[in-house]
Amino acid sequence: MRAHLLTALGAATAAAACIPVQIQAPDRPIEVNLNVNIRQEVIVRLEGDARQLLNENSDLFGGGTP
């Protein structure tokens, strides 16, 4: 079984080596958008600050937080 797998893998590698590959640089710079993680962290921090503020001022809306 292992010999058949190695033979098939070798044949696939040999066939892939015969296919011409062309590599070209992109026309525009590659842009990586990292705003998602930063925004998530800010929201979590604001949520924690708001929770603490409501706990410290439980009479602000006429009752405590649940």
PDB file of N, CA and C in Angstrom:
ATOM      1  N   MET A   1       0.837  -1.188   0.000  1.00  0.00           N
ATOM      2  CA  MET A   1       0.000   0.000   0.000  1.00  0.00           C
ATOM      3  C   MET A   1       0.879   1.249   0.000  1.00  0.00           C
ATOM      4  N   ARG A   2       1.911   1.238   0.874  1.00  0.00           N
ATOM      5  CA  ARG A   2       2.789   2.399   0.965  1.00  0.00           C
ATOM      6  C   ARG A   2       3.575   2.605  -0.330  1.00  0.00           C
ATOM      7  N   ALA A   3       3.976   1.509  -0.977  1.00  0.00           N
ATOM      8  CA  ALA A   3       4.723   1.614  -2.228  1.00  0.00           C
ATOM      9  C   ALA A   3       3.857   2.230  -3.321  1.00  0.00           C
ATOM     10  N   HIS A   4       2.581   1.873  -3.371  1.00  0.00           N
ATOM     11  CA  HIS A   4       1.667   2.444  -4.373  1.00  0.00           C
ATOM     12  C   HIS A   4       1.482   3.942  -4.131  1.00  0.00           C
ATOM     13  N   LEU A   5       1.398   4.320  -2.869  1.00  0.00           N
ATOM     14  CA  LEU A   5       1.217   5.734  -2.526  1.00  0.00           C
ATOM     15  C   LEU A   5       2.450   6.536  -2.922  1.00  0.00           C
ATOM     16  N   LEU A   6       3.633   5.997  -2.628  1.00  0.00           N
ATOM     17  CA  LEU A   6       4.860   6.692  -2.995  1.00  0.00           C
ATOM     18  C   LEU A   6       5.026   6.786  -4.510  1.00  0.00           C
ATOM     19  N   THR A   7       4.637   5.755  -5.219  1.00  0.00           N
ATOM     20  CA  THR A   7       4.708   5.778  -6.680  1.00  0.00           C
ATOM     21  C   THR A   7       3.772   6.840  -7.245  1.00  0.00           C
ATOM     22  N   ALA A   8       2.557   6.899  -6.722  1.00  0.00           N
ATOM     23  CA  ALA A   8       1.592   7.888  -7.192  1.00  0.00           C
ATOM     24  C   ALA A   8       2.060   9.301  -6.863  1.00  0.00           C
ATOM     25  N   LEU A   9       2.636   9.489  -5.677  1.00  0.00           N
ATOM     26  CA  LEU A   9       3.142  10.799  -5.287  1.00  0.00           C
ATOM     27  C   LEU A   9       4.305  11.212  -6.187  1.00  0.00           C
ATOM     28  N   GLY A  10       5.176  10.296  -6.501  1.00  0.00           N
ATOM     29  CA  GLY A  10       6.300  10.582  -7.401  1.00  0.00           C
ATOM     30  C   GLY A  10       5.825  10.944  -8.794  1.00  0.00           C
ATOM     31  N   ALA A  11       4.824  10.240  -9.285  1.00  0.00           N
ATOM     32  CA  ALA A  11       4.281  10.531 -10.616  1.00  0.00           C
ATOM     33  C   ALA A  11       3.622  11.906 -10.635  1.00  0.00           C
ATOM     34  N   ALA A  12       2.906  12.238  -9.592  1.00  0.00           N
ATOM     35  CA  ALA A  12       2.247  13.551  -9.520  1.00  0.00           C
ATOM     36  C   ALA A  12       3.285  14.671  -9.458  1.00  0.00           C
ATOM     37  N   THR A  13       4.361  14.458  -8.719  1.00  0.00           N
ATOM     38  CA  THR A  13       5.422  15.460  -8.628  1.00  0.00           C
ATOM     39  C   THR A  13       6.107  15.644  -9.974  1.00  0.00           C
ATOM     40  N   ALA A  14       6.366  14.568 -10.671  1.00  0.00           N
ATOM     41  CA  ALA A  14       7.001  14.650 -11.987  1.00  0.00           C
ATOM     42  C   ALA A  14       6.096  15.367 -12.982  1.00  0.00           C
ATOM     43  N   ALA A  15       4.794  15.094 -12.930  1.00  0.00           N
ATOM     44  CA  ALA A  15       3.859  15.755 -13.837  1.00  0.00           C
ATOM     45  C   ALA A  15       3.769  17.243 -13.517  1.00  0.00           C
ATOM     46  N   ALA A  16       3.792  17.604 -12.236  1.00  0.00           N
ATOM     47  CA  ALA A  16       3.703  19.012 -11.856  1.00  0.00           C
ATOM     48  C   ALA A  16       4.953  19.774 -12.281  1.00  0.00           C
ATOM     49  N   ALA A  17       6.095  19.110 -12.339  1.00  0.00           N
ATOM     50  CA  ALA A  17       7.335  19.765 -12.739  1.00  0.00           C
ATOM     51  C   ALA A  17       7.325  20.130 -14.220  1.00  0.00           C
ATOM     52  N   CYS A  18       6.500  19.504 -15.008  1.00  0.00           N
ATOM     53  CA  CYS A  18       6.428  19.773 -16.441  1.00  0.00           C
ATOM     54  C   CYS A  18       5.484  20.924 -16.788  1.00  0.00           C
ATOM     55  N   ILE A  19       4.694  21.381 -15.835  1.00  0.00           N
ATOM     56  CA  ILE A  19       3.731  22.449 -16.087  1.00  0.00           C
ATOM     57  C   ILE A  19       4.441  23.791 -15.910  1.00  0.00           C
ATOM     58  N   PRO A  20       4.433  24.653 -16.944  1.00  0.00           N
ATOM     59  CA  PRO A  20       5.101  25.949 -16.799  1.00  0.00           C
ATOM     60  C   PRO A  20       4.320  26.858 -15.843  1.00  0.00           C
ATOM     61  N   VAL A  21       5.059  27.553 -14.993  1.00  0.00           N
ATOM     62  CA  VAL A  21       4.455  28.461 -14.022  1.00  0.00           C
ATOM     63  C   VAL A  21       5.030  29.847 -14.263  1.00  0.00           C
ATOM     64  N   GLN A  22       4.146  30.829 -14.334  1.00  0.00           N
ATOM     65  CA  GLN A  22       4.586  32.199 -14.551  1.00  0.00           C
ATOM     66  C   GLN A  22       4.241  33.023 -13.312  1.00  0.00           C
ATOM     67  N   ILE A  23       5.240  33.676 -12.750  1.00  0.00           N
ATOM     68  CA  ILE A  23       5.045  34.501 -11.570  1.00  0.00           C
ATOM     69  C   ILE A  23       5.244  35.951 -11.975  1.00  0.00           C
ATOM     70  N   GLN A  24       4.256  36.777 -11.595  1.00  0.00           N
ATOM     71  CA  GLN A  24       4.318  38.187 -11.957  1.00  0.00           C
ATOM     72  C   GLN A  24       3.949  39.033 -10.742  1.00  0.00           C
ATOM     73  N   ALA A  25       4.656  40.121 -10.536  1.00  0.00           N
ATOM     74  CA  ALA A  25       4.362  41.018  -9.420  1.00  0.00           C
ATOM     75  C   ALA A  25       3.035  41.727  -9.685  1.00  0.00           C
ATOM     76  N   PRO A  26       2.242  41.982  -8.651  1.00  0.00           N
ATOM     77  CA  PRO A  26       0.964  42.673  -8.847  1.00  0.00           C
ATOM     78  C   PRO A  26       1.180  44.133  -9.258  1.00  0.00           C
ATOM     79  N   ASP A  27       0.175  44.701  -9.935  1.00  0.00           N
ATOM     80  CA  ASP A  27       0.256  46.091 -10.376  1.00  0.00           C
ATOM     81  C   ASP A  27       0.157  47.055  -9.198  1.00  0.00           C
ATOM     82  N   ARG A  28      -0.658  46.697  -8.215  1.00  0.00           N
ATOM     83  CA  ARG A  28      -0.867  47.551  -7.043  1.00  0.00           C
ATOM     84  C   ARG A  28      -0.244  46.886  -5.814  1.00  0.00           C
ATOM     85  N   PRO A  29       0.088  47.686  -4.787  1.00  0.00           N
ATOM     86  CA  PRO A  29       0.623  47.084  -3.555  1.00  0.00           C
ATOM     87  C   PRO A  29      -0.419  46.192  -2.886  1.00  0.00           C
ATOM     88  N   ILE A  30       0.031  45.182  -2.201  1.00  0.00           N
ATOM     89  CA  ILE A  30      -0.862  44.288  -1.470  1.00  0.00           C
ATOM     90  C   ILE A  30      -1.283  44.990  -0.186  1.00  0.00           C
ATOM     91  N   GLU A  31      -2.582  45.029   0.062  1.00  0.00           N
ATOM     92  CA  GLU A  31      -3.108  45.701   1.242  1.00  0.00           C
ATOM     93  C   GLU A  31      -3.635  44.662   2.221  1.00  0.00           C
ATOM     94  N   VAL A  32      -3.195  44.761   3.472  1.00  0.00           N
ATOM     95  CA  VAL A  32      -3.663  43.871   4.520  1.00  0.00           C
ATOM     96  C   VAL A  32      -4.468  44.714   5.502  1.00  0.00           C
ATOM     97  N   ASN A  33      -5.734  44.374   5.685  1.00  0.00           N
ATOM     98  CA  ASN A  33      -6.617  45.143   6.540  1.00  0.00           C
ATOM     99  C   ASN A  33      -6.671  44.498   7.924  1.00  0.00           C
ATOM    100  N   LEU A  34      -6.171  45.203   8.936  1.00  0.00           N
ATOM    101  CA  LEU A  34      -6.129  44.679  10.298  1.00  0.00           C
ATOM    102  C   LEU A  34      -7.118  45.389  11.223  1.00  0.00           C
ATOM    103  N   ASN A  35      -8.045  46.156  10.672  1.00  0.00           N
ATOM    104  CA  ASN A  35      -8.966  46.938  11.488  1.00  0.00           C
ATOM    105  C   ASN A  35      -9.911  46.066  12.312  1.00  0.00           C
ATOM    106  N   VAL A  36     -10.196  44.851  11.887  1.00  0.00           N
ATOM    107  CA  VAL A  36     -11.173  44.008  12.568  1.00  0.00           C
ATOM    108  C   VAL A  36     -10.730  43.691  13.989  1.00  0.00           C
ATOM    109  N   ASN A  37      -9.504  43.259  14.179  1.00  0.00           N
ATOM    110  CA  ASN A  37      -9.026  42.900  15.507  1.00  0.00           C
ATOM    111  C   ASN A  37      -8.921  44.107  16.421  1.00  0.00           C
ATOM    112  N   ILE A  38      -8.469  45.220  15.914  1.00  0.00           N
ATOM    113  CA  ILE A  38      -8.334  46.421  16.727  1.00  0.00           C
ATOM    114  C   ILE A  38      -9.715  46.896  17.163  1.00  0.00           C
ATOM    115  N   ARG A  39     -10.672  46.903  16.276  1.00  0.00           N
ATOM    116  CA  ARG A  39     -12.027  47.351  16.588  1.00  0.00           C
ATOM    117  C   ARG A  39     -12.647  46.445  17.649  1.00  0.00           C
ATOM    118  N   GLN A  40     -12.442  45.160  17.532  1.00  0.00           N
ATOM    119  CA  GLN A  40     -12.998  44.216  18.497  1.00  0.00           C
ATOM    120  C   GLN A  40     -12.428  44.490  19.889  1.00  0.00           C
ATOM    121  N   GLU A  41     -11.153  44.749  19.990  1.00  0.00           N
ATOM    122  CA  GLU A  41     -10.528  45.011  21.282  1.00  0.00           C
ATOM    123  C   GLU A  41     -11.083  46.292  21.897  1.00  0.00           C
ATOM    124  N   VAL A  42     -11.286  47.325  21.093  1.00  0.00           N
ATOM    125  CA  VAL A  42     -11.816  48.590  21.589  1.00  0.00           C
ATOM    126  C   VAL A  42     -13.236  48.407  22.100  1.00  0.00           C
ATOM    127  N   ILE A  43     -14.055  47.659  21.380  1.00  0.00           N
ATOM    128  CA  ILE A  43     -15.433  47.427  21.807  1.00  0.00           C
ATOM    129  C   ILE A  43     -15.463  46.680  23.137  1.00  0.00           C
ATOM    130  N   VAL A  44     -14.638  45.676  23.300  1.00  0.00           N
ATOM    131  CA  VAL A  44     -14.606  44.910  24.544  1.00  0.00           C
ATOM    132  C   VAL A  44     -14.177  45.803  25.704  1.00  0.00           C
ATOM    133  N   ARG A  45     -13.201  46.647  25.489  1.00  0.00           N
ATOM    134  CA  ARG A  45     -12.746  47.550  26.543  1.00  0.00           C
ATOM    135  C   ARG A  45     -13.836  48.555  26.917  1.00  0.00           C
ATOM    136  N   LEU A  46     -14.515  49.114  25.915  1.00  0.00           N
ATOM    137  CA  LEU A  46     -15.586  50.066  26.195  1.00  0.00           C
ATOM    138  C   LEU A  46     -16.738  49.393  26.944  1.00  0.00           C
ATOM    139  N   GLU A  47     -17.032  48.153  26.570  1.00  0.00           N
ATOM    140  CA  GLU A  47     -18.104  47.422  27.245  1.00  0.00           C
ATOM    141  C   GLU A  47     -17.755  47.213  28.719  1.00  0.00           C
ATOM    142  N   GLY A  48     -16.527  46.865  29.006  1.00  0.00           N
ATOM    143  CA  GLY A  48     -16.096  46.668  30.388  1.00  0.00           C
ATOM    144  C   GLY A  48     -16.137  47.967  31.167  1.00  0.00           C
ATOM    145  N   ASP A  49     -15.700  49.069  30.548  1.00  0.00           N
ATOM    146  CA  ASP A  49     -15.750  50.373  31.211  1.00  0.00           C
ATOM    147  C   ASP A  49     -17.186  50.787  31.495  1.00  0.00           C
ATOM    148  N   ALA A  50     -18.088  50.550  30.540  1.00  0.00           N
ATOM    149  CA  ALA A  50     -19.495  50.910  30.732  1.00  0.00           C
ATOM    150  C   ALA A  50     -20.114  50.078  31.850  1.00  0.00           C
ATOM    151  N   ARG A  51     -19.796  48.792  31.911  1.00  0.00           N
ATOM    152  CA  ARG A  51     -20.322  47.927  32.963  1.00  0.00           C
ATOM    153  C   ARG A  51     -19.855  48.415  34.342  1.00  0.00           C
ATOM    154  N   GLN A  52     -18.573  48.770  34.434  1.00  0.00           N
ATOM    155  CA  GLN A  52     -18.031  49.268  35.703  1.00  0.00           C
ATOM    156  C   GLN A  52     -18.707  50.583  36.086  1.00  0.00           C
ATOM    157  N   LEU A  53     -18.916  51.479  35.128  1.00  0.00           N
ATOM    158  CA  LEU A  53     -19.569  52.756  35.396  1.00  0.00           C
ATOM    159  C   LEU A  53     -20.997  52.551  35.897  1.00  0.00           C
ATOM    160  N   LEU A  54     -21.725  51.620  35.276  1.00  0.00           N
ATOM    161  CA  LEU A  54     -23.095  51.340  35.710  1.00  0.00           C
ATOM    162  C   LEU A  54     -23.116  50.702  37.100  1.00  0.00           C
ATOM    163  N   ASN A  55     -22.157  49.852  37.405  1.00  0.00           N
ATOM    164  CA  ASN A  55     -22.089  49.252  38.741  1.00  0.00           C
ATOM    165  C   ASN A  55     -21.783  50.292  39.811  1.00  0.00           C
ATOM    166  N   GLU A  56     -20.918  51.252  39.478  1.00  0.00           N
ATOM    167  CA  GLU A  56     -20.575  52.302  40.446  1.00  0.00           C
ATOM    168  C   GLU A  56     -21.728  53.284  40.639  1.00  0.00           C
ATOM    169  N   ASN A  57     -22.576  53.471  39.623  1.00  0.00           N
ATOM    170  CA  ASN A  57     -23.696  54.417  39.677  1.00  0.00           C
ATOM    171  C   ASN A  57     -24.987  53.664  39.458  1.00  0.00           C
ATOM    172  N   SER A  58     -25.303  52.722  40.341  1.00  0.00           N
ATOM    173  CA  SER A  58     -26.455  51.852  40.156  1.00  0.00           C
ATOM    174  C   SER A  58     -27.788  52.604  40.161  1.00  0.00           C
ATOM    175  N   ASP A  59     -27.820  53.798  40.749  1.00  0.00           N
ATOM    176  CA  ASP A  59     -29.088  54.555  40.780  1.00  0.00           C
ATOM    177  C   ASP A  59     -29.247  55.446  39.545  1.00  0.00           C
ATOM    178  N   LEU A  60     -28.339  55.361  38.593  1.00  0.00           N
ATOM    179  CA  LEU A  60     -28.365  56.215  37.408  1.00  0.00           C
ATOM    180  C   LEU A  60     -29.633  56.019  36.588  1.00  0.00           C
ATOM    181  N   PHE A  61     -30.099  54.790  36.420  1.00  0.00           N
ATOM    182  CA  PHE A  61     -31.295  54.500  35.640  1.00  0.00           C
ATOM    183  C   PHE A  61     -32.423  53.968  36.519  1.00  0.00           C
ATOM    184  N   GLY A  62     -32.387  54.238  37.772  1.00  0.00           N
ATOM    185  CA  GLY A  62     -33.467  53.843  38.648  1.00  0.00           C
ATOM    186  C   GLY A  62     -33.349  52.436  39.201  1.00  0.00           C
ATOM    187  N   GLY A  63     -32.210  51.817  39.113  1.00  0.00           N
ATOM    188  CA  GLY A  63     -32.028  50.469  39.662  1.00  0.00           C
ATOM    189  C   GLY A  63     -30.636  49.953  39.363  1.00  0.00           C
ATOM    190  N   GLY A  64     -30.305  48.845  39.965  1.00  0.00           N
ATOM    191  CA  GLY A  64     -29.001  48.237  39.777  1.00  0.00           C
ATOM    192  C   GLY A  64     -28.938  47.423  38.491  1.00  0.00           C
ATOM    193  N   THR A  65     -27.750  47.014  38.148  1.00  0.00           N
ATOM    194  CA  THR A  65     -27.590  46.143  36.982  1.00  0.00           C
ATOM    195  C   THR A  65     -27.922  44.721  37.374  1.00  0.00           C
ATOM    196  N   PRO A  66     -28.450  43.944  36.457  1.00  0.00           N
ATOM    197  CA  PRO A  66     -28.831  42.564  36.788  1.00  0.00           C
ATOM    198  C   PRO A  66     -27.655  41.694  37.103  1.00  0.00           C
TER     199      PRO A  66
END
